[in-house]
N, C-alpha and C. Protein backbone atom coordinates (compact mmCIF):
# COMPACT_ATOMS: atom_id res chain seq x y z
N MET A 1 -5.97 56.05 136.04
CA MET A 1 -7.68 55.72 136.14
C MET A 1 -7.80 54.41 136.35
N GLU A 2 -8.88 53.89 137.64
CA GLU A 2 -9.57 52.46 137.37
C GLU A 2 -9.58 51.74 136.70
N THR A 3 -9.36 50.59 136.29
CA THR A 3 -9.45 50.20 135.37
C THR A 3 -10.26 48.52 135.30
N LEU A 4 -11.21 48.16 135.00
CA LEU A 4 -11.97 47.14 135.20
C LEU A 4 -12.04 46.22 133.57
N THR A 5 -11.23 45.05 134.31
CA THR A 5 -10.84 44.08 132.55
C THR A 5 -11.52 42.69 132.45
N ARG A 6 -11.31 41.95 133.63
CA ARG A 6 -12.15 40.65 134.15
C ARG A 6 -13.45 40.27 134.77
N ASN A 7 -13.70 41.49 134.93
CA ASN A 7 -15.59 41.15 135.00
C ASN A 7 -16.37 40.84 134.53
N PHE A 8 -17.73 40.13 134.47
CA PHE A 8 -18.52 39.84 133.07
C PHE A 8 -19.71 41.11 133.29
N LYS A 9 -20.11 40.81 134.29
CA LYS A 9 -20.79 42.35 134.20
C LYS A 9 -20.31 43.95 135.04
N ILE A 10 -21.11 44.54 134.06
CA ILE A 10 -19.85 46.62 135.10
C ILE A 10 -21.14 47.14 135.54
N SER A 11 -21.03 47.56 136.70
CA SER A 11 -22.24 48.58 137.59
C SER A 11 -21.31 50.14 136.87
N LEU A 12 -22.01 50.90 136.34
CA LEU A 12 -20.91 52.37 136.22
C LEU A 12 -20.82 53.17 137.19
N SER A 13 -22.04 52.95 138.03
CA SER A 13 -22.49 53.94 139.65
C SER A 13 -21.31 53.48 140.37
N GLU A 14 -21.04 51.52 140.25
CA GLU A 14 -19.80 51.43 140.87
C GLU A 14 -18.58 51.84 140.87
N ILE A 15 -18.23 52.27 140.00
CA ILE A 15 -16.70 53.01 139.40
C ILE A 15 -16.46 54.37 139.27
N PRO A 16 -15.49 54.61 140.63
CA PRO A 16 -15.71 55.49 140.33
C PRO A 16 -15.04 57.01 139.26
N ALA A 17 -15.29 58.16 138.88
CA ALA A 17 -15.09 59.15 137.85
C ALA A 17 -14.55 60.38 138.37
N ARG A 18 -13.21 60.09 137.84
CA ARG A 18 -12.11 61.27 138.21
C ARG A 18 -12.11 62.26 136.55
N LYS A 19 -11.42 63.30 136.77
CA LYS A 19 -11.57 64.07 135.53
C LYS A 19 -10.34 63.81 135.14
N ASN A 20 -10.37 63.88 133.99
CA ASN A 20 -9.35 63.48 132.90
C ASN A 20 -8.00 64.49 132.31
N HIS A 21 -7.43 63.90 131.35
CA HIS A 21 -6.55 65.18 131.58
C HIS A 21 -7.14 66.62 130.89
N ARG A 22 -8.07 65.96 130.15
CA ARG A 22 -8.82 67.76 129.33
C ARG A 22 -10.05 68.18 130.45
N GLY A 23 -9.72 67.92 131.90
CA GLY A 23 -10.82 67.94 132.93
C GLY A 23 -12.55 68.31 132.87
N ILE A 24 -12.71 66.41 132.13
CA ILE A 24 -13.88 65.87 132.26
C ILE A 24 -14.07 64.89 132.76
N LEU A 25 -14.91 64.76 133.77
CA LEU A 25 -15.66 63.81 134.44
C LEU A 25 -15.46 62.34 133.87
N ALA A 26 -14.51 61.16 133.91
CA ALA A 26 -14.70 60.16 133.08
C ALA A 26 -14.87 58.96 134.32
N ARG A 27 -15.03 57.73 133.72
CA ARG A 27 -14.71 56.56 134.10
C ARG A 27 -14.27 55.91 133.35
N ASN A 28 -13.26 54.70 133.65
CA ASN A 28 -12.29 53.77 132.93
C ASN A 28 -13.33 52.83 132.89
N ILE A 29 -13.61 52.10 131.81
CA ILE A 29 -14.73 50.94 132.64
C ILE A 29 -13.86 49.71 131.66
N PHE A 30 -12.72 49.33 130.28
CA PHE A 30 -12.67 48.59 130.24
C PHE A 30 -11.42 48.82 128.86
N GLU A 31 -10.32 48.32 129.18
CA GLU A 31 -8.85 48.19 128.54
C GLU A 31 -8.02 47.25 128.48
N GLU A 32 -7.50 46.91 126.97
CA GLU A 32 -7.62 45.87 126.67
C GLU A 32 -6.93 45.82 125.52
N ASP A 33 -6.27 45.14 124.49
CA ASP A 33 -4.74 45.77 123.55
C ASP A 33 -6.10 45.89 122.37
N SER A 34 -7.31 44.78 122.56
CA SER A 34 -8.98 45.06 121.41
C SER A 34 -9.89 46.34 121.50
N ALA A 35 -9.67 46.44 122.50
CA ALA A 35 -10.33 48.18 122.90
C ALA A 35 -10.35 48.63 124.19
N ARG A 36 -10.44 50.41 124.43
CA ARG A 36 -11.23 51.11 125.50
C ARG A 36 -11.85 51.13 125.15
N VAL A 37 -13.10 51.35 126.84
CA VAL A 37 -13.82 51.76 126.97
C VAL A 37 -14.53 53.11 127.94
N LEU A 38 -15.07 54.20 127.61
CA LEU A 38 -14.45 55.25 128.44
C LEU A 38 -16.23 55.61 128.58
N ASN A 39 -16.33 56.12 130.09
CA ASN A 39 -17.95 56.12 130.07
C ASN A 39 -17.22 58.35 130.34
N LEU A 40 -18.07 59.12 129.82
CA LEU A 40 -17.99 60.59 129.88
C LEU A 40 -18.96 60.79 130.55
N LEU A 41 -19.18 62.20 131.59
CA LEU A 41 -20.41 62.48 132.24
C LEU A 41 -19.51 64.28 132.16
N LEU A 42 -20.35 64.82 130.88
CA LEU A 42 -20.35 66.49 130.63
C LEU A 42 -21.58 67.37 131.78
N LYS A 43 -21.09 68.02 131.72
CA LYS A 43 -22.02 69.12 132.65
C LYS A 43 -22.18 70.20 131.43
N PRO A 44 -23.14 70.95 131.45
CA PRO A 44 -23.42 71.81 130.51
C PRO A 44 -22.26 73.11 130.31
N GLY A 45 -21.70 72.84 128.61
CA GLY A 45 -21.15 74.16 128.27
C GLY A 45 -19.22 72.89 128.70
N ASP A 46 -19.12 71.87 129.08
CA ASP A 46 -18.27 70.92 129.03
C ASP A 46 -18.19 70.84 127.47
N LYS A 47 -17.11 70.99 126.64
CA LYS A 47 -16.24 70.75 125.17
C LYS A 47 -14.92 69.75 125.53
N ILE A 48 -15.18 68.95 125.12
CA ILE A 48 -14.07 67.77 123.86
C ILE A 48 -13.28 68.27 123.26
N PRO A 49 -12.55 69.25 122.56
CA PRO A 49 -11.82 69.99 121.42
C PRO A 49 -11.89 68.75 119.97
N ALA A 50 -12.11 69.27 119.03
CA ALA A 50 -12.03 68.81 117.76
C ALA A 50 -10.19 67.90 117.76
N HIS A 51 -9.75 66.88 117.96
CA HIS A 51 -9.01 65.78 117.90
C HIS A 51 -8.46 64.68 116.88
N VAL A 52 -8.11 64.07 117.17
CA VAL A 52 -7.38 62.82 116.35
C VAL A 52 -7.42 61.53 116.66
N THR A 53 -7.82 60.60 116.47
CA THR A 53 -6.91 59.39 116.60
C THR A 53 -6.93 59.10 116.10
N PRO A 54 -5.97 57.56 116.10
CA PRO A 54 -5.49 56.58 114.83
C PRO A 54 -6.21 55.22 114.49
N VAL A 55 -7.17 55.58 115.88
CA VAL A 55 -8.70 54.49 115.73
C VAL A 55 -9.91 54.86 115.46
N ASP A 56 -10.87 53.78 114.82
CA ASP A 56 -12.03 54.12 115.23
C ASP A 56 -12.55 53.80 116.77
N ILE A 57 -13.87 55.58 116.44
CA ILE A 57 -14.34 55.42 117.65
C ILE A 57 -15.72 55.18 117.36
N PHE A 58 -16.53 54.31 118.94
CA PHE A 58 -18.11 55.43 118.41
C PHE A 58 -18.45 55.34 119.58
N TYR A 59 -19.65 56.00 119.61
CA TYR A 59 -20.02 57.12 120.61
C TYR A 59 -21.84 56.31 120.85
N TYR A 60 -21.86 56.60 122.08
CA TYR A 60 -23.14 55.77 123.03
C TYR A 60 -23.42 56.79 123.53
N VAL A 61 -24.98 56.95 123.20
CA VAL A 61 -25.46 58.13 124.32
C VAL A 61 -26.34 57.35 125.56
N ILE A 62 -25.92 57.72 126.77
CA ILE A 62 -26.45 57.23 127.87
C ILE A 62 -27.75 57.84 128.27
N LYS A 63 -27.15 59.45 128.46
CA LYS A 63 -28.20 60.22 128.92
C LYS A 63 -28.08 61.94 128.44
N GLY A 64 -28.99 62.26 128.05
CA GLY A 64 -29.22 63.55 128.12
C GLY A 64 -28.69 63.93 126.98
N SER A 65 -28.33 65.27 126.36
CA SER A 65 -28.25 65.39 124.79
C SER A 65 -27.23 66.63 124.49
N GLY A 66 -27.02 66.75 123.74
CA GLY A 66 -25.56 67.44 122.87
C GLY A 66 -24.96 67.26 122.08
N CYS A 67 -23.51 67.54 121.53
CA CYS A 67 -23.18 67.99 119.91
C CYS A 67 -22.41 66.64 119.76
N ILE A 68 -21.95 65.99 119.04
CA ILE A 68 -20.72 65.37 118.50
C ILE A 68 -20.71 65.78 117.48
N GLU A 69 -19.33 65.91 117.03
CA GLU A 69 -18.39 66.89 115.78
C GLU A 69 -17.73 65.79 115.24
N ILE A 70 -17.98 65.14 114.22
CA ILE A 70 -16.99 64.35 113.38
C ILE A 70 -16.61 64.81 111.75
N GLY A 71 -15.43 65.23 112.06
CA GLY A 71 -14.93 65.77 110.58
C GLY A 71 -15.45 67.19 110.77
N GLN A 72 -16.18 67.77 109.57
CA GLN A 72 -16.98 69.36 108.68
C GLN A 72 -18.37 68.82 109.70
N GLU A 73 -18.99 67.49 109.84
CA GLU A 73 -20.51 67.70 110.36
C GLU A 73 -21.00 67.61 111.99
N SER A 74 -21.46 68.14 112.57
CA SER A 74 -21.90 68.15 114.01
C SER A 74 -23.03 67.43 114.00
N TYR A 75 -23.10 66.52 114.95
CA TYR A 75 -24.79 66.06 115.07
C TYR A 75 -25.08 65.88 116.77
N MET A 76 -26.28 66.73 116.08
CA MET A 76 -27.28 67.05 117.78
C MET A 76 -28.10 65.46 117.94
N VAL A 77 -27.38 64.87 119.71
CA VAL A 77 -27.40 63.59 119.42
C VAL A 77 -28.24 63.55 121.02
N LYS A 78 -29.54 62.53 121.55
CA LYS A 78 -29.82 62.05 122.36
C LYS A 78 -29.44 60.91 122.83
N GLU A 79 -30.12 60.65 124.12
CA GLU A 79 -30.27 59.02 124.34
C GLU A 79 -30.72 58.09 123.56
N ASN A 80 -29.79 56.59 123.66
CA ASN A 80 -29.72 55.90 122.88
C ASN A 80 -29.44 56.27 121.14
N ASP A 81 -28.56 57.32 121.34
CA ASP A 81 -28.06 57.62 119.90
C ASP A 81 -26.96 56.89 119.24
N ILE A 82 -26.19 56.67 118.65
CA ILE A 82 -25.00 56.07 118.58
C ILE A 82 -24.28 57.52 117.34
N VAL A 83 -23.04 57.24 116.64
CA VAL A 83 -21.97 58.30 116.18
C VAL A 83 -21.19 56.99 116.01
N PHE A 84 -20.76 57.31 114.66
CA PHE A 84 -19.71 56.77 114.35
C PHE A 84 -18.39 57.13 113.80
N SER A 85 -17.40 57.53 114.30
CA SER A 85 -15.97 58.22 114.14
C SER A 85 -14.87 57.44 113.22
N PRO A 86 -14.30 57.01 112.06
CA PRO A 86 -13.39 56.72 111.56
C PRO A 86 -11.95 57.29 111.90
N LYS A 87 -11.70 56.75 112.04
CA LYS A 87 -9.77 56.95 112.41
C LYS A 87 -9.42 57.64 111.65
N TYR A 88 -8.42 58.56 111.93
CA TYR A 88 -7.61 59.58 111.53
C TYR A 88 -8.92 60.88 110.82
N ILE A 89 -9.78 61.05 111.61
CA ILE A 89 -11.12 62.48 111.22
C ILE A 89 -11.01 62.91 112.55
N PRO A 90 -10.24 64.30 112.38
CA PRO A 90 -10.92 65.04 113.89
C PRO A 90 -12.48 65.12 114.51
N HIS A 91 -12.47 64.88 115.27
CA HIS A 91 -13.47 64.44 116.33
C HIS A 91 -13.64 65.37 117.50
N GLY A 92 -14.96 65.37 118.05
CA GLY A 92 -14.91 66.15 119.01
C GLY A 92 -16.55 66.33 120.00
N VAL A 93 -16.64 66.81 121.02
CA VAL A 93 -18.14 66.38 121.90
C VAL A 93 -18.44 67.58 122.98
N HIS A 94 -19.43 68.18 122.82
CA HIS A 94 -19.95 69.66 123.60
C HIS A 94 -21.43 68.80 124.06
N ALA A 95 -21.70 69.22 125.35
CA ALA A 95 -22.51 69.52 126.05
C ALA A 95 -23.03 70.93 126.42
N ILE A 96 -24.55 70.98 126.02
CA ILE A 96 -24.57 72.31 125.53
C ILE A 96 -25.17 72.50 126.63
N GLU A 97 -26.90 71.99 126.70
CA GLU A 97 -27.83 72.59 127.99
C GLU A 97 -27.60 72.09 129.50
N GLU A 98 -27.72 70.07 128.86
CA GLU A 98 -28.00 69.97 130.46
C GLU A 98 -26.91 68.56 130.33
N ASP A 99 -26.76 67.89 131.17
CA ASP A 99 -25.62 66.59 131.56
C ASP A 99 -25.51 66.06 130.50
N PHE A 100 -24.72 65.42 130.25
CA PHE A 100 -24.34 64.66 128.79
C PHE A 100 -23.78 63.38 129.11
N GLU A 101 -23.75 62.07 129.35
CA GLU A 101 -23.22 60.98 129.48
C GLU A 101 -23.26 60.12 128.40
N ILE A 102 -22.26 60.10 128.06
CA ILE A 102 -21.87 58.75 126.41
C ILE A 102 -20.74 57.87 126.86
N LEU A 103 -20.81 57.05 126.90
CA LEU A 103 -20.04 55.70 126.07
C LEU A 103 -19.38 55.57 125.14
N VAL A 104 -17.61 56.24 125.70
CA VAL A 104 -16.96 55.87 124.10
C VAL A 104 -16.25 55.14 124.18
N VAL A 105 -15.99 53.74 123.03
CA VAL A 105 -15.86 52.99 122.47
C VAL A 105 -14.32 53.43 121.46
N LYS A 106 -13.20 52.54 121.53
CA LYS A 106 -12.04 53.13 120.70
C LYS A 106 -11.86 51.51 120.45
N ALA A 107 -11.44 51.39 119.16
CA ALA A 107 -10.91 50.19 118.72
C ALA A 107 -10.07 49.74 117.69
N PRO A 108 -8.93 49.26 117.36
CA PRO A 108 -8.06 49.05 118.71
C PRO A 108 -7.93 49.76 119.84
N ASN A 109 -7.44 49.89 121.09
CA ASN A 109 -6.74 50.60 122.03
C ASN A 109 -6.10 51.63 121.48
N PRO A 110 -5.86 52.73 121.31
CA PRO A 110 -4.31 53.55 120.89
C PRO A 110 -3.44 53.62 121.81
N ASP A 111 -3.77 53.69 123.42
CA ASP A 111 -2.99 53.00 124.18
C ASP A 111 -1.96 52.44 124.57
N LYS A 112 -1.96 51.14 123.44
CA LYS A 112 -1.37 49.71 123.79
C LYS A 112 -0.76 49.30 122.42
N PRO A 113 0.51 49.26 122.80
CA PRO A 113 1.45 48.85 121.19
C PRO A 113 0.64 47.96 120.49
């Protein structure tokens, strides 16, 4: 994925979206040791199954609505909602009836040593 790391202004629409390993359209926005930021573009029915990461995550809903699962809880979320997921707690995302666009912020970056 293409990564922007040194720009001070980022226009999401200018960053190409590509399918990630789960088949979801994603933009890799920022990647440093301190954090990784992704923009996920889910279509109705798209789902990222529950999985665990060794870092804290928060989700910010840019557009649409959907479901974010954290542990045993399911949250119906809409534009401008923020959901926090502590490290080592299973989390997943599901677009139900409409396009669902979110920012995913992982801190620190789990892909950096």
